[in-house]
Amino acid sequence: MIQASGSTPYYFMPATLKSDSANSDPHLYISGDNIALSPAFYAFLHANEKLGKKAEEIRVVSVGNINELADKIGTQTSLLDWVARLPTLNAPVKKHTMDYMLEDILN
C-alpha cells in the first residue's frame, strides 16, 4: 500500500503486485490522488456501489495526507487570472468534505 500510495507517474513507476492467478497479468497501482481529491472516499464508493460490498465489510486505509491551503488572490490580480486560479480555492474544501463524509459513513 505504501509503495502504491507514493507512485505518482511523473516521479515513480507504478507499484506492481503479482496476481493470485498464474494465468493473470500483474496488477499495477498508482497513488489515488491522481484520479480523485479524496481517493479513500472514491474507493469506498466503488466497493459499495460497483462491487456491492456493505459498509461493514469495507476497511479503508488512507496513507498520507496533504492539507492544501487555497491560493490567495491579490487585489492586483486580473479577472482572467482570478478565474484561472478559482479551482485552487475549491479543491481543498471538496477533499476535506469527502474525507469527513467517509469517516462518518464508516463510523
PDB file of N, CA and C in Angstrom:
ATOM      1  N   MET A   1       0.828  -1.199   0.000  1.00  0.00           N
ATOM      2  CA  MET A   1       0.000   0.000   0.000  1.00  0.00           C
ATOM      3  C   MET A   1       0.865   1.252   0.000  1.00  0.00           C
ATOM      4  N   ILE A   2       1.958   1.214   0.745  1.00  0.00           N
ATOM      5  CA  ILE A   2       2.818   2.399   0.831  1.00  0.00           C
ATOM      6  C   ILE A   2       3.472   2.689  -0.513  1.00  0.00           C
ATOM      7  N   GLN A   3       3.952   1.651  -1.178  1.00  0.00           N
ATOM      8  CA  GLN A   3       4.583   1.852  -2.483  1.00  0.00           C
ATOM      9  C   GLN A   3       3.560   2.390  -3.490  1.00  0.00           C
ATOM     10  N   ALA A   4       2.370   1.843  -3.485  1.00  0.00           N
ATOM     11  CA  ALA A   4       1.332   2.307  -4.406  1.00  0.00           C
ATOM     12  C   ALA A   4       0.937   3.746  -4.094  1.00  0.00           C
ATOM     13  N   SER A   5       0.852   4.087  -2.811  1.00  0.00           N
ATOM     14  CA  SER A   5       0.464   5.432  -2.416  1.00  0.00           C
ATOM     15  C   SER A   5       1.456   6.476  -2.904  1.00  0.00           C
ATOM     16  N   GLY A   6       2.719   6.108  -2.976  1.00  0.00           N
ATOM     17  CA  GLY A   6       3.745   7.043  -3.429  1.00  0.00           C
ATOM     18  C   GLY A   6       3.996   7.003  -4.917  1.00  0.00           C
ATOM     19  N   SER A   7       3.282   6.171  -5.637  1.00  0.00           N
ATOM     20  CA  SER A   7       3.521   6.006  -7.075  1.00  0.00           C
ATOM     21  C   SER A   7       2.749   7.033  -7.885  1.00  0.00           C
ATOM     22  N   THR A   8       3.385   8.134  -8.125  1.00  0.00           N
ATOM     23  CA  THR A   8       2.832   9.171  -8.987  1.00  0.00           C
ATOM     24  C   THR A   8       3.578   9.082 -10.310  1.00  0.00           C
ATOM     25  N   PRO A   9       2.880   8.846 -11.409  1.00  0.00           N
ATOM     26  CA  PRO A   9       3.540   8.566 -12.687  1.00  0.00           C
ATOM     27  C   PRO A   9       4.613   9.550 -13.123  1.00  0.00           C
ATOM     28  N   TYR A  10       4.519  10.798 -12.724  1.00  0.00           N
ATOM     29  CA  TYR A  10       5.535  11.763 -13.125  1.00  0.00           C
ATOM     30  C   TYR A  10       6.872  11.517 -12.433  1.00  0.00           C
ATOM     31  N   TYR A  11       6.847  10.846 -11.291  1.00  0.00           N
ATOM     32  CA  TYR A  11       8.057  10.677 -10.495  1.00  0.00           C
ATOM     33  C   TYR A  11       8.474   9.225 -10.300  1.00  0.00           C
ATOM     34  N   PHE A  12       7.526   8.302 -10.186  1.00  0.00           N
ATOM     35  CA  PHE A  12       7.829   6.911  -9.878  1.00  0.00           C
ATOM     36  C   PHE A  12       7.047   5.977 -10.786  1.00  0.00           C
ATOM     37  N   MET A  13       7.597   4.801 -11.006  1.00  0.00           N
ATOM     38  CA  MET A  13       6.900   3.770 -11.770  1.00  0.00           C
ATOM     39  C   MET A  13       5.722   3.252 -10.923  1.00  0.00           C
ATOM     40  N   PRO A  14       4.661   2.760 -11.559  1.00  0.00           N
ATOM     41  CA  PRO A  14       3.552   2.187 -10.792  1.00  0.00           C
ATOM     42  C   PRO A  14       4.019   1.012  -9.931  1.00  0.00           C
ATOM     43  N   ALA A  15       3.376   0.827  -8.799  1.00  0.00           N
ATOM     44  CA  ALA A  15       3.656  -0.329  -7.948  1.00  0.00           C
ATOM     45  C   ALA A  15       3.093  -1.554  -8.653  1.00  0.00           C
ATOM     46  N   THR A  16       3.850  -2.633  -8.699  1.00  0.00           N
ATOM     47  CA  THR A  16       3.433  -3.856  -9.375  1.00  0.00           C
ATOM     48  C   THR A  16       3.254  -4.964  -8.353  1.00  0.00           C
ATOM     49  N   LEU A  17       2.088  -5.578  -8.357  1.00  0.00           N
ATOM     50  CA  LEU A  17       1.809  -6.718  -7.489  1.00  0.00           C
ATOM     51  C   LEU A  17       1.372  -7.885  -8.349  1.00  0.00           C
ATOM     52  N   LYS A  18       1.950  -9.030  -8.103  1.00  0.00           N
ATOM     53  CA  LYS A  18       1.570 -10.220  -8.859  1.00  0.00           C
ATOM     54  C   LYS A  18       0.162 -10.639  -8.441  1.00  0.00           C
ATOM     55  N   SER A  19      -0.591 -11.111  -9.405  1.00  0.00           N
ATOM     56  CA  SER A  19      -1.950 -11.567  -9.098  1.00  0.00           C
ATOM     57  C   SER A  19      -1.895 -12.970  -8.515  1.00  0.00           C
ATOM     58  N   ASP A  20      -3.013 -13.381  -7.939  1.00  0.00           N
ATOM     59  CA  ASP A  20      -3.099 -14.712  -7.337  1.00  0.00           C
ATOM     60  C   ASP A  20      -3.126 -15.811  -8.390  1.00  0.00           C
ATOM     61  N   SER A  21      -3.633 -15.495  -9.553  1.00  0.00           N
ATOM     62  CA  SER A  21      -3.779 -16.487 -10.611  1.00  0.00           C
ATOM     63  C   SER A  21      -2.508 -16.566 -11.450  1.00  0.00           C
ATOM     64  N   ALA A  22      -2.081 -17.766 -11.770  1.00  0.00           N
ATOM     65  CA  ALA A  22      -0.870 -17.965 -12.568  1.00  0.00           C
ATOM     66  C   ALA A  22      -1.054 -17.479 -14.002  1.00  0.00           C
ATOM     67  N   ASN A  23      -2.300 -17.429 -14.474  1.00  0.00           N
ATOM     68  CA  ASN A  23      -2.567 -17.040 -15.859  1.00  0.00           C
ATOM     69  C   ASN A  23      -2.897 -15.567 -16.018  1.00  0.00           C
ATOM     70  N   SER A  24      -2.792 -14.813 -14.955  1.00  0.00           N
ATOM     71  CA  SER A  24      -3.211 -13.417 -14.993  1.00  0.00           C
ATOM     72  C   SER A  24      -2.000 -12.487 -14.974  1.00  0.00           C
ATOM     73  N   ASP A  25      -2.154 -11.350 -15.613  1.00  0.00           N
ATOM     74  CA  ASP A  25      -1.107 -10.331 -15.601  1.00  0.00           C
ATOM     75  C   ASP A  25      -1.009  -9.713 -14.217  1.00  0.00           C
ATOM     76  N   PRO A  26       0.153  -9.135 -13.884  1.00  0.00           N
ATOM     77  CA  PRO A  26       0.271  -8.460 -12.581  1.00  0.00           C
ATOM     78  C   PRO A  26      -0.618  -7.216 -12.543  1.00  0.00           C
ATOM     79  N   HIS A  27      -0.946  -6.791 -11.350  1.00  0.00           N
ATOM     80  CA  HIS A  27      -1.762  -5.593 -11.148  1.00  0.00           C
ATOM     81  C   HIS A  27      -0.836  -4.400 -10.943  1.00  0.00           C
ATOM     82  N   LEU A  28      -1.161  -3.277 -11.589  1.00  0.00           N
ATOM     83  CA  LEU A  28      -0.386  -2.044 -11.442  1.00  0.00           C
ATOM     84  C   LEU A  28      -1.205  -1.049 -10.632  1.00  0.00           C
ATOM     85  N   TYR A  29      -0.533  -0.354  -9.708  1.00  0.00           N
ATOM     86  CA  TYR A  29      -1.213   0.609  -8.846  1.00  0.00           C
ATOM     87  C   TYR A  29      -0.479   1.937  -8.854  1.00  0.00           C
ATOM     88  N   ILE A  30      -1.247   3.031  -8.817  1.00  0.00           N
ATOM     89  CA  ILE A  30      -0.670   4.369  -8.661  1.00  0.00           C
ATOM     90  C   ILE A  30      -1.411   5.055  -7.521  1.00  0.00           C
ATOM     91  N   SER A  31      -0.870   6.165  -7.082  1.00  0.00           N
ATOM     92  CA  SER A  31      -1.496   6.916  -5.993  1.00  0.00           C
ATOM     93  C   SER A  31      -2.900   7.352  -6.395  1.00  0.00           C
ATOM     94  N   GLY A  32      -3.839   7.166  -5.478  1.00  0.00           N
ATOM     95  CA  GLY A  32      -5.232   7.502  -5.757  1.00  0.00           C
ATOM     96  C   GLY A  32      -5.483   8.974  -5.999  1.00  0.00           C
ATOM     97  N   ASP A  33      -4.587   9.836  -5.501  1.00  0.00           N
ATOM     98  CA  ASP A  33      -4.830  11.263  -5.706  1.00  0.00           C
ATOM     99  C   ASP A  33      -4.594  11.686  -7.151  1.00  0.00           C
ATOM    100  N   ASN A  34      -4.180  10.761  -8.006  1.00  0.00           N
ATOM    101  CA  ASN A  34      -4.079  11.056  -9.428  1.00  0.00           C
ATOM    102  C   ASN A  34      -5.440  11.076 -10.106  1.00  0.00           C
ATOM    103  N   ILE A  35      -6.446  10.494  -9.442  1.00  0.00           N
ATOM    104  CA  ILE A  35      -7.781  10.444 -10.054  1.00  0.00           C
ATOM    105  C   ILE A  35      -8.874  11.050  -9.195  1.00  0.00           C
ATOM    106  N   ALA A  36      -8.600  11.293  -7.916  1.00  0.00           N
ATOM    107  CA  ALA A  36      -9.665  11.798  -7.044  1.00  0.00           C
ATOM    108  C   ALA A  36      -9.076  12.678  -5.947  1.00  0.00           C
ATOM    109  N   LEU A  37      -9.828  13.701  -5.550  1.00  0.00           N
ATOM    110  CA  LEU A  37      -9.378  14.546  -4.449  1.00  0.00           C
ATOM    111  C   LEU A  37      -9.344  13.778  -3.141  1.00  0.00           C
ATOM    112  N   SER A  38     -10.267  12.864  -2.970  1.00  0.00           N
ATOM    113  CA  SER A  38     -10.301  12.008  -1.784  1.00  0.00           C
ATOM    114  C   SER A  38     -10.323  10.564  -2.267  1.00  0.00           C
ATOM    115  N   PRO A  39      -9.156   9.983  -2.530  1.00  0.00           N
ATOM    116  CA  PRO A  39      -9.121   8.616  -3.058  1.00  0.00           C
ATOM    117  C   PRO A  39      -9.802   7.598  -2.155  1.00  0.00           C
ATOM    118  N   ALA A  40      -9.728   7.797  -0.840  1.00  0.00           N
ATOM    119  CA  ALA A  40     -10.358   6.852   0.078  1.00  0.00           C
ATOM    120  C   ALA A  40     -11.868   6.837  -0.116  1.00  0.00           C
ATOM    121  N   PHE A  41     -12.466   8.009  -0.281  1.00  0.00           N
ATOM    122  CA  PHE A  41     -13.913   8.089  -0.500  1.00  0.00           C
ATOM    123  C   PHE A  41     -14.281   7.475  -1.844  1.00  0.00           C
ATOM    124  N   TYR A  42     -13.480   7.746  -2.854  1.00  0.00           N
ATOM    125  CA  TYR A  42     -13.693   7.183  -4.186  1.00  0.00           C
ATOM    126  C   TYR A  42     -13.641   5.652  -4.117  1.00  0.00           C
ATOM    127  N   ALA A  43     -12.650   5.101  -3.407  1.00  0.00           N
ATOM    128  CA  ALA A  43     -12.511   3.651  -3.266  1.00  0.00           C
ATOM    129  C   ALA A  43     -13.709   3.065  -2.519  1.00  0.00           C
ATOM    130  N   PHE A  44     -14.145   3.750  -1.471  1.00  0.00           N
ATOM    131  CA  PHE A  44     -15.314   3.284  -0.724  1.00  0.00           C
ATOM    132  C   PHE A  44     -16.540   3.229  -1.637  1.00  0.00           C
ATOM    133  N   LEU A  45     -16.800   4.296  -2.371  1.00  0.00           N
ATOM    134  CA  LEU A  45     -17.971   4.328  -3.253  1.00  0.00           C
ATOM    135  C   LEU A  45     -17.893   3.236  -4.310  1.00  0.00           C
ATOM    136  N   HIS A  46     -16.705   2.998  -4.854  1.00  0.00           N
ATOM    137  CA  HIS A  46     -16.539   1.941  -5.860  1.00  0.00           C
ATOM    138  C   HIS A  46     -16.877   0.570  -5.262  1.00  0.00           C
ATOM    139  N   ALA A  47     -16.317   0.281  -4.086  1.00  0.00           N
ATOM    140  CA  ALA A  47     -16.571  -1.011  -3.437  1.00  0.00           C
ATOM    141  C   ALA A  47     -18.039  -1.159  -3.074  1.00  0.00           C
ATOM    142  N   ASN A  48     -18.656  -0.081  -2.602  1.00  0.00           N
ATOM    143  CA  ASN A  48     -20.044  -0.123  -2.164  1.00  0.00           C
ATOM    144  C   ASN A  48     -21.011  -0.182  -3.338  1.00  0.00           C
ATOM    145  N   GLU A  49     -20.858   0.708  -4.296  1.00  0.00           N
ATOM    146  CA  GLU A  49     -21.824   0.832  -5.377  1.00  0.00           C
ATOM    147  C   GLU A  49     -21.557  -0.105  -6.548  1.00  0.00           C
ATOM    148  N   LYS A  50     -20.305  -0.294  -6.921  1.00  0.00           N
ATOM    149  CA  LYS A  50     -19.990  -1.118  -8.096  1.00  0.00           C
ATOM    150  C   LYS A  50     -19.770  -2.588  -7.748  1.00  0.00           C
ATOM    151  N   LEU A  51     -19.170  -2.851  -6.584  1.00  0.00           N
ATOM    152  CA  LEU A  51     -18.873  -4.231  -6.205  1.00  0.00           C
ATOM    153  C   LEU A  51     -19.901  -4.811  -5.238  1.00  0.00           C
ATOM    154  N   GLY A  52     -20.843  -3.978  -4.775  1.00  0.00           N
ATOM    155  CA  GLY A  52     -21.916  -4.439  -3.917  1.00  0.00           C
ATOM    156  C   GLY A  52     -21.505  -4.786  -2.493  1.00  0.00           C
ATOM    157  N   LYS A  53     -20.395  -4.244  -2.017  1.00  0.00           N
ATOM    158  CA  LYS A  53     -19.943  -4.511  -0.649  1.00  0.00           C
ATOM    159  C   LYS A  53     -20.693  -3.606   0.321  1.00  0.00           C
ATOM    160  N   LYS A  54     -21.067  -4.154   1.475  1.00  0.00           N
ATOM    161  CA  LYS A  54     -21.718  -3.362   2.514  1.00  0.00           C
ATOM    162  C   LYS A  54     -20.656  -2.560   3.260  1.00  0.00           C
ATOM    163  N   ALA A  55     -21.057  -1.434   3.837  1.00  0.00           N
ATOM    164  CA  ALA A  55     -20.111  -0.573   4.565  1.00  0.00           C
ATOM    165  C   ALA A  55     -19.390  -1.350   5.661  1.00  0.00           C
ATOM    166  N   GLU A  56     -20.083  -2.297   6.302  1.00  0.00           N
ATOM    167  CA  GLU A  56     -19.470  -3.073   7.388  1.00  0.00           C
ATOM    168  C   GLU A  56     -18.355  -3.982   6.881  1.00  0.00           C
ATOM    169  N   GLU A  57     -18.370  -4.292   5.594  1.00  0.00           N
ATOM    170  CA  GLU A  57     -17.368  -5.188   5.008  1.00  0.00           C
ATOM    171  C   GLU A  57     -16.138  -4.439   4.493  1.00  0.00           C
ATOM    172  N   ILE A  58     -16.186  -3.129   4.509  1.00  0.00           N
ATOM    173  CA  ILE A  58     -15.121  -2.326   3.898  1.00  0.00           C
ATOM    174  C   ILE A  58     -14.205  -1.752   4.969  1.00  0.00           C
ATOM    175  N   ARG A  59     -12.930  -1.894   4.769  1.00  0.00           N
ATOM    176  CA  ARG A  59     -11.921  -1.261   5.628  1.00  0.00           C
ATOM    177  C   ARG A  59     -11.093  -0.348   4.732  1.00  0.00           C
ATOM    178  N   VAL A  60     -10.916   0.882   5.147  1.00  0.00           N
ATOM    179  CA  VAL A  60     -10.185   1.868   4.355  1.00  0.00           C
ATOM    180  C   VAL A  60      -8.889   2.217   5.061  1.00  0.00           C
ATOM    181  N   VAL A  61      -7.803   2.173   4.301  1.00  0.00           N
ATOM    182  CA  VAL A  61      -6.508   2.622   4.805  1.00  0.00           C
ATOM    183  C   VAL A  61      -6.098   3.792   3.935  1.00  0.00           C
ATOM    184  N   SER A  62      -5.961   4.948   4.541  1.00  0.00           N
ATOM    185  CA  SER A  62      -5.555   6.141   3.821  1.00  0.00           C
ATOM    186  C   SER A  62      -4.143   6.496   4.269  1.00  0.00           C
ATOM    187  N   VAL A  63      -3.190   6.342   3.360  1.00  0.00           N
ATOM    188  CA  VAL A  63      -1.786   6.593   3.682  1.00  0.00           C
ATOM    189  C   VAL A  63      -1.415   7.986   3.188  1.00  0.00           C
ATOM    190  N   GLY A  64      -0.977   8.826   4.100  1.00  0.00           N
ATOM    191  CA  GLY A  64      -0.546  10.163   3.718  1.00  0.00           C
ATOM    192  C   GLY A  64      -1.709  11.113   3.563  1.00  0.00           C
ATOM    193  N   ASN A  65      -1.363  12.367   3.649  1.00  0.00           N
ATOM    194  CA  ASN A  65      -2.379  13.395   3.515  1.00  0.00           C
ATOM    195  C   ASN A  65      -1.676  14.719   3.304  1.00  0.00           C
ATOM    196  N   ILE A  66      -2.194  15.483   2.407  1.00  0.00           N
ATOM    197  CA  ILE A  66      -1.665  16.831   2.186  1.00  0.00           C
ATOM    198  C   ILE A  66      -2.793  17.798   2.460  1.00  0.00           C
ATOM    199  N   ASN A  67      -2.601  18.656   3.404  1.00  0.00           N
ATOM    200  CA  ASN A  67      -3.590  19.695   3.669  1.00  0.00           C
ATOM    201  C   ASN A  67      -3.215  20.919   2.853  1.00  0.00           C
ATOM    202  N   GLU A  68      -3.827  21.013   1.694  1.00  0.00           N
ATOM    203  CA  GLU A  68      -3.527  22.122   0.798  1.00  0.00           C
ATOM    204  C   GLU A  68      -4.249  23.376   1.262  1.00  0.00           C
ATOM    205  N   LEU A  69      -3.565  24.462   1.227  1.00  0.00           N
ATOM    206  CA  LEU A  69      -4.198  25.739   1.510  1.00  0.00           C
ATOM    207  C   LEU A  69      -4.581  26.395   0.192  1.00  0.00           C
ATOM    208  N   ALA A  70      -5.678  27.059   0.199  1.00  0.00           N
ATOM    209  CA  ALA A  70      -6.113  27.751  -1.009  1.00  0.00           C
ATOM    210  C   ALA A  70      -5.148  28.865  -1.354  1.00  0.00           C
ATOM    211  N   ASP A  71      -4.961  29.078  -2.671  1.00  0.00           N
ATOM    212  CA  ASP A  71      -4.125  30.190  -3.116  1.00  0.00           C
ATOM    213  C   ASP A  71      -4.793  31.506  -2.740  1.00  0.00           C
ATOM    214  N   LYS A  72      -3.986  32.458  -2.319  1.00  0.00           N
ATOM    215  CA  LYS A  72      -4.517  33.792  -2.055  1.00  0.00           C
ATOM    216  C   LYS A  72      -4.494  34.583  -3.353  1.00  0.00           C
ATOM    217  N   ILE A  73      -5.546  35.302  -3.575  1.00  0.00           N
ATOM    218  CA  ILE A  73      -5.645  36.111  -4.781  1.00  0.00           C
ATOM    219  C   ILE A  73      -5.527  37.567  -4.370  1.00  0.00           C
ATOM    220  N   GLY A  74      -4.503  38.219  -4.884  1.00  0.00           N
ATOM    221  CA  GLY A  74      -4.227  39.601  -4.523  1.00  0.00           C
ATOM    222  C   GLY A  74      -5.172  40.596  -5.174  1.00  0.00           C
ATOM    223  N   THR A  75      -5.131  41.803  -4.679  1.00  0.00           N
ATOM    224  CA  THR A  75      -6.020  42.847  -5.187  1.00  0.00           C
ATOM    225  C   THR A  75      -5.644  43.299  -6.599  1.00  0.00           C
ATOM    226  N   GLN A  76      -4.401  43.042  -7.023  1.00  0.00           N
ATOM    227  CA  GLN A  76      -3.956  43.462  -8.351  1.00  0.00           C
ATOM    228  C   GLN A  76      -4.148  42.369  -9.411  1.00  0.00           C
ATOM    229  N   THR A  77      -4.767  41.277  -9.054  1.00  0.00           N
ATOM    230  CA  THR A  77      -4.955  40.155  -9.972  1.00  0.00           C
ATOM    231  C   THR A  77      -6.047  40.485 -10.977  1.00  0.00           C
ATOM    232  N   SER A  78      -5.774  40.186 -12.266  1.00  0.00           N
ATOM    233  CA  SER A  78      -6.771  40.451 -13.305  1.00  0.00           C
ATOM    234  C   SER A  78      -7.919  39.450 -13.197  1.00  0.00           C
ATOM    235  N   LEU A  79      -9.029  39.763 -13.818  1.00  0.00           N
ATOM    236  CA  LEU A  79     -10.192  38.878 -13.805  1.00  0.00           C
ATOM    237  C   LEU A  79      -9.848  37.525 -14.438  1.00  0.00           C
ATOM    238  N   LEU A  80      -9.093  37.522 -15.520  1.00  0.00           N
ATOM    239  CA  LEU A  80      -8.708  36.274 -16.178  1.00  0.00           C
ATOM    240  C   LEU A  80      -7.846  35.411 -15.250  1.00  0.00           C
ATOM    241  N   ASP A  81      -6.865  36.034 -14.579  1.00  0.00           N
ATOM    242  CA  ASP A  81      -6.045  35.281 -13.623  1.00  0.00           C
ATOM    243  C   ASP A  81      -6.888  34.767 -12.460  1.00  0.00           C
ATOM    244  N   TRP A  82      -7.816  35.571 -11.998  1.00  0.00           N
ATOM    245  CA  TRP A  82      -8.676  35.179 -10.885  1.00  0.00           C
ATOM    246  C   TRP A  82      -9.489  33.941 -11.254  1.00  0.00           C
ATOM    247  N   VAL A  83     -10.087  33.944 -12.443  1.00  0.00           N
ATOM    248  CA  VAL A  83     -10.889  32.810 -12.897  1.00  0.00           C
ATOM    249  C   VAL A  83     -10.014  31.570 -13.069  1.00  0.00           C
ATOM    250  N   ALA A  84      -8.798  31.734 -13.595  1.00  0.00           N
ATOM    251  CA  ALA A  84      -7.895  30.604 -13.794  1.00  0.00           C
ATOM    252  C   ALA A  84      -7.483  29.971 -12.457  1.00  0.00           C
ATOM    253  N   ARG A  85      -7.407  30.758 -11.406  1.00  0.00           N
ATOM    254  CA  ARG A  85      -6.980  30.252 -10.101  1.00  0.00           C
ATOM    255  C   ARG A  85      -8.144  29.822  -9.216  1.00  0.00           C
ATOM    256  N   LEU A  86      -9.363  30.021  -9.657  1.00  0.00           N
ATOM    257  CA  LEU A  86     -10.537  29.672  -8.873  1.00  0.00           C
ATOM    258  C   LEU A  86     -10.556  28.207  -8.409  1.00  0.00           C
ATOM    259  N   PRO A  87     -10.170  27.238  -9.251  1.00  0.00           N
ATOM    260  CA  PRO A  87     -10.187  25.842  -8.783  1.00  0.00           C
ATOM    261  C   PRO A  87      -9.292  25.588  -7.567  1.00  0.00           C
ATOM    262  N   THR A  88      -8.244  26.367  -7.384  1.00  0.00           N
ATOM    263  CA  THR A  88      -7.367  26.151  -6.229  1.00  0.00           C
ATOM    264  C   THR A  88      -8.060  26.536  -4.935  1.00  0.00           C
ATOM    265  N   LEU A  89      -9.109  27.329  -5.022  1.00  0.00           N
ATOM    266  CA  LEU A  89      -9.866  27.697  -3.832  1.00  0.00           C
ATOM    267  C   LEU A  89     -10.868  26.607  -3.451  1.00  0.00           C
ATOM    268  N   ASN A  90     -11.349  25.883  -4.440  1.00  0.00           N
ATOM    269  CA  ASN A  90     -12.410  24.911  -4.238  1.00  0.00           C
ATOM    270  C   ASN A  90     -11.902  23.508  -3.899  1.00  0.00           C
ATOM    271  N   ALA A  91     -10.796  23.078  -4.474  1.00  0.00           N
ATOM    272  CA  ALA A  91     -10.322  21.703  -4.330  1.00  0.00           C
ATOM    273  C   ALA A  91     -10.093  21.280  -2.877  1.00  0.00           C
ATOM    274  N   PRO A  92      -9.406  22.062  -2.049  1.00  0.00           N
ATOM    275  CA  PRO A  92      -9.207  21.617  -0.656  1.00  0.00           C
ATOM    276  C   PRO A  92     -10.510  21.440   0.112  1.00  0.00           C
ATOM    277  N   VAL A  93     -11.499  22.275  -0.163  1.00  0.00           N
ATOM    278  CA  VAL A  93     -12.787  22.162   0.520  1.00  0.00           C
ATOM    279  C   VAL A  93     -13.458  20.849   0.125  1.00  0.00           C
ATOM    280  N   LYS A  94     -13.419  20.497  -1.151  1.00  0.00           N
ATOM    281  CA  LYS A  94     -14.015  19.250  -1.612  1.00  0.00           C
ATOM    282  C   LYS A  94     -13.347  18.056  -0.947  1.00  0.00           C
ATOM    283  N   LYS A  95     -12.025  18.055  -0.892  1.00  0.00           N
ATOM    284  CA  LYS A  95     -11.288  16.936  -0.315  1.00  0.00           C
ATOM    285  C   LYS A  95     -11.649  16.755   1.148  1.00  0.00           C
ATOM    286  N   HIS A  96     -11.640  17.823   1.915  1.00  0.00           N
ATOM    287  CA  HIS A  96     -11.944  17.721   3.337  1.00  0.00           C
ATOM    288  C   HIS A  96     -13.400  17.291   3.561  1.00  0.00           C
ATOM    289  N   THR A  97     -14.308  17.753   2.713  1.00  0.00           N
ATOM    290  CA  THR A  97     -15.705  17.347   2.822  1.00  0.00           C
ATOM    291  C   THR A  97     -15.849  15.859   2.544  1.00  0.00           C
ATOM    292  N   MET A  98     -15.196  15.359   1.498  1.00  0.00           N
ATOM    293  CA  MET A  98     -15.275  13.937   1.164  1.00  0.00           C
ATOM    294  C   MET A  98     -14.661  13.078   2.261  1.00  0.00           C
ATOM    295  N   ASP A  99     -13.530  13.485   2.814  1.00  0.00           N
ATOM    296  CA  ASP A  99     -12.906  12.730   3.904  1.00  0.00           C
ATOM    297  C   ASP A  99     -13.824  12.694   5.126  1.00  0.00           C
ATOM    298  N   TYR A 100     -14.468  13.803   5.428  1.00  0.00           N
ATOM    299  CA  TYR A 100     -15.401  13.862   6.551  1.00  0.00           C
ATOM    300  C   TYR A 100     -16.579  12.923   6.318  1.00  0.00           C
ATOM    301  N   MET A 101     -17.124  12.947   5.105  1.00  0.00           N
ATOM    302  CA  MET A 101     -18.270  12.081   4.783  1.00  0.00           C
ATOM    303  C   MET A 101     -17.889  10.610   4.917  1.00  0.00           C
ATOM    304  N   LEU A 102     -16.711  10.230   4.412  1.00  0.00           N
ATOM    305  CA  LEU A 102     -16.268   8.845   4.506  1.00  0.00           C
ATOM    306  C   LEU A 102     -16.117   8.423   5.958  1.00  0.00           C
ATOM    307  N   GLU A 103     -15.496   9.257   6.772  1.00  0.00           N
ATOM    308  CA  GLU A 103     -15.316   8.928   8.190  1.00  0.00           C
ATOM    309  C   GLU A 103     -16.669   8.744   8.874  1.00  0.00           C
ATOM    310  N   ASP A 104     -17.636   9.607   8.544  1.00  0.00           N
ATOM    311  CA  ASP A 104     -18.966   9.494   9.121  1.00  0.00           C
ATOM    312  C   ASP A 104     -19.661   8.212   8.694  1.00  0.00           C
ATOM    313  N   ILE A 105     -19.543   7.844   7.427  1.00  0.00           N
ATOM    314  CA  ILE A 105     -20.168   6.614   6.922  1.00  0.00           C
ATOM    315  C   ILE A 105     -19.574   5.392   7.606  1.00  0.00           C
ATOM    316  N   LEU A 106     -18.263   5.348   7.732  1.00  0.00           N
ATOM    317  CA  LEU A 106     -17.605   4.175   8.305  1.00  0.00           C
ATOM    318  C   LEU A 106     -17.782   4.078   9.819  1.00  0.00           C
ATOM    319  N   ASN A 107     -18.075   5.184  10.477  1.00  0.00           N
ATOM    320  CA  ASN A 107     -18.324   5.134  11.924  1.00  0.00           C
ATOM    321  C   ASN A 107     -19.772   4.831  12.163  1.00  0.00           C
TER     322      ASN A 107
END
